[in-house]
Amino acid sequence: MMKIGVSGASGQLGSAVVQALAETVAAENLVAISRTPKTDRTYAGRLGDYDQSETLVAAYQA
């Protein structure tokens, strides 16, 4: 299965989407992408900042 990446995962909508997906998608297939990624979750958190495009390249790679 492909991984699902949620951009803006620390915002109100993004965090709600991540929480809903966390109930239905295996943790290894879920990636929360934000400027302030949390690492204390069962799913991956990656840095992704639209003001720093190089972080987006890394965030969306497998």
Protein backbone atom coordinates (compact mmCIF):
# COMPACT_ATOMS: atom_id res chain seq x y z
CA MET A 1 0.00 0.00 0.00
CA MET A 2 1.11 3.55 -0.63
CA LYS A 3 1.70 5.95 2.22
CA ILE A 4 -0.76 8.75 2.87
CA GLY A 5 0.81 12.14 3.59
CA VAL A 6 -1.28 14.86 5.20
CA SER A 7 0.03 18.38 4.72
CA GLY A 8 -0.76 20.96 7.41
CA ALA A 9 -1.09 18.17 9.95
CA SER A 10 -0.62 20.45 12.97
CA GLY A 11 -3.51 22.73 12.01
CA GLN A 12 -7.12 22.32 13.02
CA LEU A 13 -8.32 20.62 9.84
CA GLY A 14 -5.10 18.71 9.17
CA SER A 15 -4.94 17.26 12.66
CA ALA A 16 -8.58 16.15 12.42
CA VAL A 17 -7.83 14.43 9.10
CA VAL A 18 -4.79 12.70 10.58
CA GLN A 19 -6.78 11.51 13.61
CA ALA A 20 -9.54 10.12 11.39
CA LEU A 21 -7.03 8.36 9.15
CA ALA A 22 -5.17 6.97 12.17
CA GLU A 23 -8.32 5.02 13.03
CA THR A 24 -8.53 3.36 9.61
CA VAL A 25 -5.01 3.30 8.14
CA ALA A 26 -2.04 1.34 9.46
CA ALA A 27 0.39 3.64 11.30
CA GLU A 28 3.26 2.74 8.97
CA ASN A 29 1.22 4.07 6.04
CA LEU A 30 0.40 7.46 7.57
CA VAL A 31 2.68 10.51 7.52
CA ALA A 32 1.80 13.81 9.20
CA ILE A 33 3.58 16.72 7.49
CA SER A 34 3.86 20.13 9.16
CA ARG A 35 6.20 22.92 10.21
CA THR A 36 6.10 21.52 13.74
CA PRO A 37 6.04 17.73 13.38
CA LYS A 38 5.43 15.68 16.49
CA THR A 39 7.45 12.54 16.94
CA ASP A 40 5.59 11.03 19.87
CA ARG A 41 2.90 9.44 17.70
CA THR A 42 2.55 5.94 16.33
CA TYR A 43 2.63 7.37 12.79
CA ALA A 44 5.49 9.32 11.22
CA GLY A 45 5.83 13.07 11.58
CA ARG A 46 7.89 14.93 8.98
CA LEU A 47 8.99 18.53 8.59
CA GLY A 48 7.35 20.30 5.66
CA ASP A 49 7.29 24.09 5.38
CA TYR A 50 5.97 25.86 2.29
CA ASP A 51 8.39 28.72 2.96
CA GLN A 52 11.29 26.25 2.78
CA SER A 53 10.66 24.23 -0.36
CA GLU A 54 13.57 21.86 0.26
CA THR A 55 11.72 20.51 3.32
CA LEU A 56 8.74 19.58 1.15
CA VAL A 57 10.90 17.52 -1.19
CA ALA A 58 12.18 15.47 1.74
CA ALA A 59 8.75 15.24 3.40
CA TYR A 60 7.05 13.71 0.38
CA GLN A 61 9.72 11.14 -0.43
CA ALA A 62 9.29 7.57 0.73
